[in-house]
Amino acid sequence: MIRASDPARLPQILHAAAAALQKADPAHVQNKLFTMPELRAKYFRSDLATGRMLLAIILILLVVTALGVSGLASFWVQQRRRQIGMRRALGATRGDILRYFQIENFLIVTGGVLLGALFAYALNLFLMHRFELAHLPANYLLAGAVALWLLGQLAVLGPALRAAAVPPVVATRSV
């Protein structure tokens, strides 16, 4: 290991050190010279690639989850079109309809988040005892729960806005 006081001169110092080693021991074979930052980058390259791949998978799963929630909410809006028109005819405002679908989705997502957090904690306990892994920090579960709640509310916003736009006359026409 060589420590250079001037990082700009490091390549020259490395080559001089390699030449000195070769002169001291002619049988010494020196293929390549690396600096510590280069060795560190080379060592962690596969971990970085794995991290990026996991991040891409997480993002894909979040998009698929949002599309699923949005699709299910759209289906329920279409199935309840007459009911929504009836509520509007009886005096419900657009805000009431929007709030109804947002609250309904929040309750459904809360059930899913609680079950998911429970299963994640149980799996973490199993992995801790079986493979001596570290304990899952509670802030990760909390951050995941908040992210999924926000994702669920954003995903249902479009269908809920379409439901709020249903005119009251729909209830009388679909009889």
N, C-alpha and C. Protein backbone atom coordinates (compact mmCIF):
# COMPACT_ATOMS: atom_id res chain seq x y z
N MET A 1 0.86 -1.17 0.00
CA MET A 1 0.00 0.00 0.00
C MET A 1 0.90 1.23 0.00
N ILE A 2 0.52 2.16 -0.81
CA ILE A 2 1.29 3.39 -0.95
C ILE A 2 0.38 4.55 -0.62
N ARG A 3 0.88 5.45 0.19
CA ARG A 3 0.11 6.64 0.55
C ARG A 3 0.80 7.84 -0.09
N ALA A 4 0.05 8.55 -0.95
CA ALA A 4 0.62 9.71 -1.64
C ALA A 4 0.09 10.98 -0.98
N SER A 5 0.99 11.92 -0.75
CA SER A 5 0.55 13.18 -0.15
C SER A 5 -0.13 14.06 -1.20
N ASP A 6 0.23 13.87 -2.47
CA ASP A 6 -0.38 14.65 -3.54
C ASP A 6 -1.13 13.68 -4.47
N PRO A 7 -2.47 13.68 -4.43
CA PRO A 7 -3.24 12.75 -5.25
C PRO A 7 -3.02 12.92 -6.75
N ALA A 8 -2.61 14.10 -7.17
CA ALA A 8 -2.36 14.33 -8.60
C ALA A 8 -1.14 13.54 -9.08
N ARG A 9 -0.20 13.27 -8.18
CA ARG A 9 1.02 12.54 -8.54
C ARG A 9 0.89 11.03 -8.32
N LEU A 10 -0.28 10.56 -7.94
CA LEU A 10 -0.46 9.14 -7.60
C LEU A 10 -0.09 8.20 -8.75
N PRO A 11 -0.49 8.46 -10.01
CA PRO A 11 -0.08 7.53 -11.08
C PRO A 11 1.43 7.41 -11.22
N GLN A 12 2.16 8.53 -11.10
CA GLN A 12 3.62 8.49 -11.21
C GLN A 12 4.21 7.69 -10.05
N ILE A 13 3.67 7.91 -8.86
CA ILE A 13 4.18 7.22 -7.67
C ILE A 13 3.93 5.72 -7.78
N LEU A 14 2.76 5.33 -8.30
CA LEU A 14 2.45 3.90 -8.46
C LEU A 14 3.43 3.24 -9.42
N HIS A 15 3.69 3.89 -10.53
CA HIS A 15 4.62 3.30 -11.50
C HIS A 15 6.04 3.23 -10.94
N ALA A 16 6.44 4.24 -10.19
CA ALA A 16 7.77 4.22 -9.58
C ALA A 16 7.86 3.11 -8.53
N ALA A 17 6.77 2.91 -7.77
CA ALA A 17 6.77 1.85 -6.75
C ALA A 17 6.80 0.48 -7.42
N ALA A 18 6.07 0.30 -8.53
CA ALA A 18 6.07 -0.97 -9.24
C ALA A 18 7.45 -1.27 -9.80
N ALA A 19 8.13 -0.24 -10.31
CA ALA A 19 9.49 -0.43 -10.83
C ALA A 19 10.45 -0.78 -9.70
N ALA A 20 10.28 -0.16 -8.54
CA ALA A 20 11.15 -0.47 -7.39
C ALA A 20 10.92 -1.89 -6.90
N LEU A 21 9.66 -2.35 -6.89
CA LEU A 21 9.37 -3.73 -6.50
C LEU A 21 9.97 -4.72 -7.49
N GLN A 22 9.88 -4.40 -8.76
CA GLN A 22 10.43 -5.29 -9.79
C GLN A 22 11.95 -5.37 -9.69
N LYS A 23 12.56 -4.24 -9.37
CA LYS A 23 14.01 -4.20 -9.22
C LYS A 23 14.46 -4.97 -7.98
N ALA A 24 13.69 -4.87 -6.90
CA ALA A 24 14.02 -5.56 -5.65
C ALA A 24 13.83 -7.06 -5.77
N ASP A 25 12.81 -7.47 -6.53
CA ASP A 25 12.54 -8.90 -6.70
C ASP A 25 12.21 -9.14 -8.17
N PRO A 26 13.20 -9.55 -8.98
CA PRO A 26 12.95 -9.75 -10.42
C PRO A 26 11.93 -10.84 -10.71
N ALA A 27 11.70 -11.77 -9.78
CA ALA A 27 10.72 -12.84 -10.01
C ALA A 27 9.28 -12.36 -9.76
N HIS A 28 9.15 -11.18 -9.20
CA HIS A 28 7.82 -10.61 -8.89
C HIS A 28 7.11 -10.25 -10.20
N VAL A 29 5.88 -10.71 -10.33
CA VAL A 29 5.08 -10.40 -11.53
C VAL A 29 4.02 -9.39 -11.14
N GLN A 30 4.04 -8.27 -11.81
CA GLN A 30 3.07 -7.20 -11.54
C GLN A 30 2.22 -7.01 -12.78
N ASN A 31 0.95 -7.43 -12.73
CA ASN A 31 0.08 -7.29 -13.90
C ASN A 31 -0.52 -5.89 -14.02
N LYS A 32 -1.21 -5.48 -12.97
CA LYS A 32 -1.91 -4.19 -13.02
C LYS A 32 -1.72 -3.45 -11.71
N LEU A 33 -1.88 -2.15 -11.80
CA LEU A 33 -1.81 -1.30 -10.62
C LEU A 33 -3.19 -0.70 -10.36
N PHE A 34 -3.63 -0.77 -9.13
CA PHE A 34 -4.95 -0.24 -8.78
C PHE A 34 -4.82 0.72 -7.61
N THR A 35 -5.66 1.73 -7.61
CA THR A 35 -5.78 2.61 -6.45
C THR A 35 -6.87 2.04 -5.56
N MET A 36 -6.94 2.48 -4.33
CA MET A 36 -7.97 1.99 -3.41
C MET A 36 -9.39 2.33 -3.91
N PRO A 37 -9.65 3.53 -4.40
CA PRO A 37 -11.00 3.79 -4.93
C PRO A 37 -11.37 2.86 -6.09
N GLU A 38 -10.38 2.52 -6.94
CA GLU A 38 -10.67 1.59 -8.04
C GLU A 38 -10.97 0.20 -7.51
N LEU A 39 -10.20 -0.25 -6.53
CA LEU A 39 -10.45 -1.57 -5.93
C LEU A 39 -11.81 -1.61 -5.24
N ARG A 40 -12.15 -0.53 -4.53
CA ARG A 40 -13.44 -0.47 -3.85
C ARG A 40 -14.58 -0.51 -4.86
N ALA A 41 -14.47 0.25 -5.94
CA ALA A 41 -15.51 0.27 -6.97
C ALA A 41 -15.65 -1.10 -7.63
N LYS A 42 -14.52 -1.75 -7.89
CA LYS A 42 -14.55 -3.08 -8.50
C LYS A 42 -15.18 -4.11 -7.56
N TYR A 43 -14.86 -4.00 -6.28
CA TYR A 43 -15.38 -4.95 -5.30
C TYR A 43 -16.90 -4.83 -5.14
N PHE A 44 -17.40 -3.58 -5.11
CA PHE A 44 -18.83 -3.37 -4.86
C PHE A 44 -19.66 -3.26 -6.14
N ARG A 45 -19.06 -3.47 -7.31
CA ARG A 45 -19.80 -3.35 -8.56
C ARG A 45 -21.00 -4.29 -8.63
N SER A 46 -20.83 -5.53 -8.23
CA SER A 46 -21.94 -6.49 -8.31
C SER A 46 -23.02 -6.15 -7.28
N ASP A 47 -22.63 -5.66 -6.11
CA ASP A 47 -23.62 -5.25 -5.12
C ASP A 47 -24.42 -4.05 -5.61
N LEU A 48 -23.75 -3.14 -6.28
CA LEU A 48 -24.44 -1.97 -6.83
C LEU A 48 -25.42 -2.39 -7.92
N ALA A 49 -25.01 -3.32 -8.77
CA ALA A 49 -25.90 -3.82 -9.81
C ALA A 49 -27.10 -4.53 -9.20
N THR A 50 -26.88 -5.30 -8.16
CA THR A 50 -27.97 -5.99 -7.48
C THR A 50 -28.94 -4.98 -6.86
N GLY A 51 -28.40 -3.95 -6.24
CA GLY A 51 -29.24 -2.91 -5.65
C GLY A 51 -30.08 -2.20 -6.69
N ARG A 52 -29.48 -1.90 -7.82
CA ARG A 52 -30.23 -1.24 -8.90
C ARG A 52 -31.31 -2.14 -9.45
N MET A 53 -31.00 -3.44 -9.58
CA MET A 53 -32.00 -4.37 -10.08
C MET A 53 -33.16 -4.49 -9.09
N LEU A 54 -32.87 -4.56 -7.81
CA LEU A 54 -33.93 -4.62 -6.80
C LEU A 54 -34.77 -3.34 -6.80
N LEU A 55 -34.14 -2.20 -6.99
CA LEU A 55 -34.87 -0.94 -7.07
C LEU A 55 -35.81 -0.94 -8.29
N ALA A 56 -35.33 -1.45 -9.42
CA ALA A 56 -36.17 -1.53 -10.61
C ALA A 56 -37.36 -2.46 -10.37
N ILE A 57 -37.12 -3.58 -9.70
CA ILE A 57 -38.22 -4.52 -9.41
C ILE A 57 -39.23 -3.88 -8.47
N ILE A 58 -38.76 -3.15 -7.47
CA ILE A 58 -39.67 -2.46 -6.55
C ILE A 58 -40.53 -1.46 -7.30
N LEU A 59 -39.92 -0.68 -8.18
CA LEU A 59 -40.68 0.31 -8.95
C LEU A 59 -41.71 -0.36 -9.86
N ILE A 60 -41.32 -1.47 -10.49
CA ILE A 60 -42.27 -2.19 -11.34
C ILE A 60 -43.43 -2.71 -10.50
N LEU A 61 -43.14 -3.27 -9.34
CA LEU A 61 -44.21 -3.78 -8.48
C LEU A 61 -45.13 -2.65 -7.99
N LEU A 62 -44.58 -1.49 -7.71
CA LEU A 62 -45.41 -0.36 -7.30
C LEU A 62 -46.33 0.09 -8.43
N VAL A 63 -45.81 0.12 -9.66
CA VAL A 63 -46.65 0.50 -10.80
C VAL A 63 -47.75 -0.53 -11.02
N VAL A 64 -47.41 -1.81 -10.94
CA VAL A 64 -48.42 -2.86 -11.12
C VAL A 64 -49.47 -2.77 -10.02
N THR A 65 -49.05 -2.51 -8.79
CA THR A 65 -49.99 -2.37 -7.68
C THR A 65 -50.92 -1.19 -7.91
N ALA A 66 -50.37 -0.06 -8.34
CA ALA A 66 -51.19 1.12 -8.60
C ALA A 66 -52.17 0.85 -9.73
N LEU A 67 -51.73 0.17 -10.78
CA LEU A 67 -52.64 -0.16 -11.88
C LEU A 67 -53.74 -1.11 -11.42
N GLY A 68 -53.40 -2.05 -10.56
CA GLY A 68 -54.41 -2.98 -10.04
C GLY A 68 -55.45 -2.27 -9.19
N VAL A 69 -55.00 -1.39 -8.30
CA VAL A 69 -55.94 -0.64 -7.46
C VAL A 69 -56.82 0.26 -8.31
N SER A 70 -56.21 0.91 -9.29
CA SER A 70 -56.97 1.80 -10.16
C SER A 70 -57.98 1.02 -11.00
N GLY A 71 -57.57 -0.12 -11.52
CA GLY A 71 -58.48 -0.95 -12.31
C GLY A 71 -59.64 -1.47 -11.48
N LEU A 72 -59.36 -1.90 -10.27
CA LEU A 72 -60.43 -2.39 -9.40
C LEU A 72 -61.39 -1.27 -9.02
N ALA A 73 -60.84 -0.09 -8.74
CA ALA A 73 -61.69 1.05 -8.42
C ALA A 73 -62.54 1.46 -9.62
N SER A 74 -61.97 1.41 -10.82
CA SER A 74 -62.74 1.72 -12.03
C SER A 74 -63.88 0.73 -12.21
N PHE A 75 -63.60 -0.54 -11.94
CA PHE A 75 -64.64 -1.56 -12.05
C PHE A 75 -65.78 -1.28 -11.08
N TRP A 76 -65.43 -0.93 -9.83
CA TRP A 76 -66.48 -0.67 -8.85
C TRP A 76 -67.26 0.60 -9.18
N VAL A 77 -66.62 1.59 -9.74
CA VAL A 77 -67.33 2.81 -10.16
C VAL A 77 -68.32 2.46 -11.27
N GLN A 78 -67.88 1.65 -12.23
CA GLN A 78 -68.77 1.26 -13.33
C GLN A 78 -69.94 0.43 -12.81
N GLN A 79 -69.70 -0.46 -11.86
CA GLN A 79 -70.76 -1.29 -11.31
C GLN A 79 -71.75 -0.48 -10.48
N ARG A 80 -71.32 0.58 -9.87
CA ARG A 80 -72.17 1.38 -8.99
C ARG A 80 -72.66 2.67 -9.64
N ARG A 81 -72.60 2.75 -10.92
CA ARG A 81 -72.98 3.98 -11.63
C ARG A 81 -74.40 4.41 -11.27
N ARG A 82 -75.31 3.48 -11.24
CA ARG A 82 -76.71 3.81 -10.91
C ARG A 82 -76.81 4.28 -9.46
N GLN A 83 -76.14 3.59 -8.55
CA GLN A 83 -76.14 3.97 -7.14
C GLN A 83 -75.56 5.37 -6.95
N ILE A 84 -74.49 5.66 -7.67
CA ILE A 84 -73.88 6.99 -7.57
C ILE A 84 -74.84 8.06 -8.07
N GLY A 85 -75.50 7.78 -9.22
CA GLY A 85 -76.50 8.73 -9.76
C GLY A 85 -77.64 8.94 -8.78
N MET A 86 -78.07 7.87 -8.10
CA MET A 86 -79.15 7.96 -7.12
C MET A 86 -78.71 8.83 -5.94
N ARG A 87 -77.52 8.61 -5.46
CA ARG A 87 -77.01 9.43 -4.35
C ARG A 87 -76.90 10.90 -4.75
N ARG A 88 -76.47 11.12 -5.98
CA ARG A 88 -76.38 12.50 -6.47
C ARG A 88 -77.77 13.13 -6.58
N ALA A 89 -78.76 12.34 -7.03
CA ALA A 89 -80.12 12.86 -7.15
C ALA A 89 -80.72 13.17 -5.77
N LEU A 90 -80.27 12.45 -4.75
CA LEU A 90 -80.78 12.67 -3.39
C LEU A 90 -80.01 13.78 -2.66
N GLY A 91 -79.03 14.40 -3.33
CA GLY A 91 -78.38 15.56 -2.73
C GLY A 91 -76.90 15.41 -2.41
N ALA A 92 -76.31 14.28 -2.73
CA ALA A 92 -74.88 14.12 -2.45
C ALA A 92 -74.08 15.00 -3.42
N THR A 93 -73.08 15.67 -2.88
CA THR A 93 -72.24 16.52 -3.72
C THR A 93 -71.13 15.68 -4.35
N ARG A 94 -70.41 16.30 -5.29
CA ARG A 94 -69.26 15.61 -5.90
C ARG A 94 -68.21 15.28 -4.83
N GLY A 95 -68.03 16.18 -3.90
CA GLY A 95 -67.08 15.94 -2.81
C GLY A 95 -67.49 14.74 -1.97
N ASP A 96 -68.80 14.58 -1.73
CA ASP A 96 -69.27 13.42 -0.96
C ASP A 96 -68.94 12.11 -1.67
N ILE A 97 -69.15 12.07 -2.98
CA ILE A 97 -68.87 10.85 -3.76
C ILE A 97 -67.37 10.58 -3.78
N LEU A 98 -66.60 11.63 -4.01
CA LEU A 98 -65.14 11.49 -4.02
C LEU A 98 -64.64 10.97 -2.67
N ARG A 99 -65.13 11.57 -1.60
CA ARG A 99 -64.73 11.17 -0.25
C ARG A 99 -65.14 9.72 0.04
N TYR A 100 -66.32 9.31 -0.45
CA TYR A 100 -66.80 7.94 -0.24
C TYR A 100 -65.82 6.93 -0.83
N PHE A 101 -65.40 7.15 -2.08
CA PHE A 101 -64.49 6.19 -2.72
C PHE A 101 -63.09 6.25 -2.11
N GLN A 102 -62.65 7.45 -1.72
CA GLN A 102 -61.33 7.57 -1.09
C GLN A 102 -61.31 6.84 0.26
N ILE A 103 -62.36 7.01 1.06
CA ILE A 103 -62.42 6.35 2.38
C ILE A 103 -62.53 4.84 2.21
N GLU A 104 -63.39 4.41 1.26
CA GLU A 104 -63.53 2.98 1.02
C GLU A 104 -62.19 2.36 0.63
N ASN A 105 -61.48 3.01 -0.27
CA ASN A 105 -60.18 2.51 -0.69
C ASN A 105 -59.17 2.55 0.46
N PHE A 106 -59.23 3.61 1.28
CA PHE A 106 -58.31 3.70 2.41
C PHE A 106 -58.51 2.53 3.37
N LEU A 107 -59.76 2.16 3.61
CA LEU A 107 -60.04 1.02 4.50
C LEU A 107 -59.53 -0.29 3.91
N ILE A 108 -59.72 -0.48 2.61
CA ILE A 108 -59.25 -1.70 1.97
C ILE A 108 -57.72 -1.77 1.99
N VAL A 109 -57.08 -0.65 1.65
CA VAL A 109 -55.62 -0.61 1.64
C VAL A 109 -55.07 -0.79 3.06
N THR A 110 -55.75 -0.24 4.05
CA THR A 110 -55.30 -0.40 5.44
C THR A 110 -55.30 -1.88 5.83
N GLY A 111 -56.34 -2.60 5.44
CA GLY A 111 -56.38 -4.04 5.72
C GLY A 111 -55.22 -4.76 5.06
N GLY A 112 -54.94 -4.43 3.80
CA GLY A 112 -53.83 -5.05 3.09
C GLY A 112 -52.48 -4.69 3.69
N VAL A 113 -52.33 -3.43 4.07
CA VAL A 113 -51.07 -2.98 4.67
C VAL A 113 -50.84 -3.67 6.01
N LEU A 114 -51.88 -3.77 6.83
CA LEU A 114 -51.72 -4.43 8.13
C LEU A 114 -51.36 -5.90 7.97
N LEU A 115 -52.04 -6.59 7.04
CA LEU A 115 -51.71 -8.00 6.79
C LEU A 115 -50.28 -8.13 6.25
N GLY A 116 -49.91 -7.27 5.32
CA GLY A 116 -48.56 -7.31 4.75
C GLY A 116 -47.50 -7.03 5.80
N ALA A 117 -47.73 -6.05 6.67
CA ALA A 117 -46.76 -5.74 7.72
C ALA A 117 -46.64 -6.90 8.70
N LEU A 118 -47.76 -7.52 9.03
CA LEU A 118 -47.74 -8.67 9.93
C LEU A 118 -46.95 -9.82 9.32
N PHE A 119 -47.20 -10.12 8.04
CA PHE A 119 -46.47 -11.19 7.38
C PHE A 119 -44.98 -10.84 7.24
N ALA A 120 -44.67 -9.59 6.95
CA ALA A 120 -43.27 -9.18 6.83
C ALA A 120 -42.55 -9.33 8.16
N TYR A 121 -43.21 -8.96 9.24
CA TYR A 121 -42.60 -9.10 10.57
C TYR A 121 -42.40 -10.57 10.92
N ALA A 122 -43.41 -11.40 10.62
CA ALA A 122 -43.29 -12.83 10.90
C ALA A 122 -42.18 -13.47 10.07
N LEU A 123 -42.09 -13.10 8.80
CA LEU A 123 -41.02 -13.63 7.96
C LEU A 123 -39.66 -13.18 8.47
N ASN A 124 -39.57 -11.94 8.93
CA ASN A 124 -38.31 -11.44 9.47
C ASN A 124 -37.92 -12.22 10.73
N LEU A 125 -38.88 -12.52 11.59
CA LEU A 125 -38.57 -13.33 12.78
C LEU A 125 -38.06 -14.71 12.39
N PHE A 126 -38.71 -15.32 11.41
CA PHE A 126 -38.27 -16.63 10.93
C PHE A 126 -36.84 -16.55 10.40
N LEU A 127 -36.56 -15.55 9.56
CA LEU A 127 -35.23 -15.42 8.97
C LEU A 127 -34.18 -15.09 10.03
N MET A 128 -34.58 -14.35 11.07
CA MET A 128 -33.65 -14.04 12.15
C MET A 128 -33.23 -15.30 12.88
N HIS A 129 -34.19 -16.17 13.16
CA HIS A 129 -33.87 -17.38 13.91
C HIS A 129 -33.21 -18.44 13.03
N ARG A 130 -33.60 -18.52 11.78
CA ARG A 130 -33.10 -19.55 10.89
C ARG A 130 -31.71 -19.22 10.34
N PHE A 131 -31.52 -17.96 9.91
CA PHE A 131 -30.28 -17.60 9.25
C PHE A 131 -29.49 -16.51 9.98
N GLU A 132 -29.90 -16.18 11.17
CA GLU A 132 -29.23 -15.18 12.00
C GLU A 132 -29.08 -13.83 11.28
N LEU A 133 -30.16 -13.41 10.64
CA LEU A 133 -30.18 -12.11 9.98
C LEU A 133 -30.54 -11.02 10.97
N ALA A 134 -30.32 -9.78 10.58
CA ALA A 134 -30.62 -8.64 11.45
C ALA A 134 -32.12 -8.42 11.55
N HIS A 135 -32.53 -7.76 12.62
CA HIS A 135 -33.93 -7.44 12.86
C HIS A 135 -34.37 -6.34 11.89
N LEU A 136 -35.57 -6.46 11.34
CA LEU A 136 -36.12 -5.45 10.42
C LEU A 136 -36.50 -4.21 11.21
N PRO A 137 -35.91 -3.06 10.89
CA PRO A 137 -36.26 -1.84 11.63
C PRO A 137 -37.73 -1.46 11.41
N ALA A 138 -38.35 -0.98 12.47
CA ALA A 138 -39.77 -0.62 12.40
C ALA A 138 -40.01 0.53 11.43
N ASN A 139 -39.01 1.43 11.24
CA ASN A 139 -39.22 2.54 10.32
C ASN A 139 -39.38 2.05 8.89
N TYR A 140 -38.79 0.91 8.53
CA TYR A 140 -38.97 0.38 7.18
C TYR A 140 -40.43 -0.06 6.98
N LEU A 141 -40.98 -0.73 7.98
CA LEU A 141 -42.39 -1.12 7.89
C LEU A 141 -43.29 0.10 7.82
N LEU A 142 -43.01 1.08 8.65
CA LEU A 142 -43.81 2.30 8.66
C LEU A 142 -43.70 3.06 7.34
N ALA A 143 -42.49 3.18 6.81
CA ALA A 143 -42.30 3.87 5.53
C ALA A 143 -43.01 3.12 4.40
N GLY A 144 -42.94 1.80 4.41
CA GLY A 144 -43.64 1.01 3.40
C GLY A 144 -45.15 1.17 3.51
N ALA A 145 -45.66 1.19 4.73
CA ALA A 145 -47.10 1.35 4.93
C ALA A 145 -47.57 2.72 4.43
N VAL A 146 -46.84 3.76 4.78
CA VAL A 146 -47.21 5.12 4.33
C VAL A 146 -47.15 5.21 2.82
N ALA A 147 -46.09 4.63 2.21
CA ALA A 147 -45.96 4.67 0.76
C ALA A 147 -47.13 3.95 0.09
N LEU A 148 -47.55 2.81 0.63
CA LEU A 148 -48.67 2.08 0.04
C LEU A 148 -50.00 2.80 0.26
N TRP A 149 -50.16 3.45 1.40
CA TRP A 149 -51.39 4.24 1.61
C TRP A 149 -51.46 5.38 0.59
N LEU A 150 -50.36 6.08 0.43
CA LEU A 150 -50.34 7.18 -0.54
C LEU A 150 -50.56 6.67 -1.97
N LEU A 151 -49.91 5.56 -2.29
CA LEU A 151 -50.08 4.96 -3.62
C LEU A 151 -51.53 4.56 -3.85
N GLY A 152 -52.15 3.97 -2.84
CA GLY A 152 -53.55 3.58 -2.96
C GLY A 152 -54.47 4.77 -3.16
N GLN A 153 -54.22 5.86 -2.43
CA GLN A 153 -55.07 7.04 -2.56
C GLN A 153 -54.88 7.71 -3.92
N LEU A 154 -53.65 7.75 -4.40
CA LEU A 154 -53.40 8.33 -5.73
C LEU A 154 -53.99 7.46 -6.84
N ALA A 155 -53.92 6.14 -6.66
CA ALA A 155 -54.42 5.22 -7.68
C ALA A 155 -55.94 5.29 -7.80
N VAL A 156 -56.64 5.55 -6.71
CA VAL A 156 -58.10 5.58 -6.75
C VAL A 156 -58.64 6.97 -7.08
N LEU A 157 -57.75 7.95 -7.13
CA LEU A 157 -58.19 9.32 -7.37
C LEU A 157 -58.88 9.48 -8.73
N GLY A 158 -58.30 8.93 -9.78
CA GLY A 158 -58.90 9.03 -11.13
C GLY A 158 -60.29 8.43 -11.19
N PRO A 159 -60.45 7.16 -10.80
CA PRO A 159 -61.80 6.58 -10.80
C PRO A 159 -62.77 7.31 -9.87
N ALA A 160 -62.29 7.80 -8.74
CA ALA A 160 -63.17 8.53 -7.82
C ALA A 160 -63.62 9.85 -8.43
N LEU A 161 -62.75 10.51 -9.15
CA LEU A 161 -63.14 11.75 -9.84
C LEU A 161 -64.15 11.46 -10.94
N ARG A 162 -64.00 10.35 -11.65
CA ARG A 162 -65.01 9.96 -12.66
C ARG A 162 -66.34 9.64 -11.99
N ALA A 163 -66.29 9.01 -10.83
CA ALA A 163 -67.53 8.71 -10.10
C ALA A 163 -68.20 9.99 -9.64
N ALA A 164 -67.42 10.96 -9.21
CA ALA A 164 -67.99 12.23 -8.74
C ALA A 164 -68.61 13.01 -9.89
N ALA A 165 -68.17 12.73 -11.11
CA ALA A 165 -68.70 13.45 -12.27
C ALA A 165 -69.99 12.83 -12.82
N VAL A 166 -70.46 11.72 -12.23
CA VAL A 166 -71.69 11.09 -12.70
C VAL A 166 -72.86 12.02 -12.40
N PRO A 167 -73.64 12.38 -13.43
CA PRO A 167 -74.76 13.29 -13.22
C PRO A 167 -75.93 12.58 -12.54
N PRO A 168 -76.74 13.33 -11.79
CA PRO A 168 -77.89 12.71 -11.10
C PRO A 168 -78.91 12.08 -12.06
N VAL A 169 -78.95 12.53 -13.29
CA VAL A 169 -79.93 12.01 -14.24
C VAL A 169 -79.65 10.55 -14.60
N VAL A 170 -78.44 10.05 -14.32
CA VAL A 170 -78.09 8.65 -14.64
C VAL A 170 -79.00 7.69 -13.88
N ALA A 171 -79.39 8.04 -12.66
CA ALA A 171 -80.24 7.15 -11.86
C ALA A 171 -81.62 6.98 -12.51
N THR A 172 -82.14 8.04 -13.09
CA THR A 172 -83.48 7.94 -13.69
C THR A 172 -83.44 7.30 -15.06
N ARG A 173 -82.35 7.44 -15.80
CA ARG A 173 -82.26 6.88 -17.15
C ARG A 173 -81.98 5.38 -17.15
N SER A 174 -81.33 4.88 -16.14
CA SER A 174 -80.94 3.47 -16.15
C SER A 174 -81.97 2.55 -15.52
N VAL A 175 -83.19 3.04 -15.32
CA VAL A 175 -84.25 2.21 -14.74
C VAL A 175 -84.82 1.27 -15.77
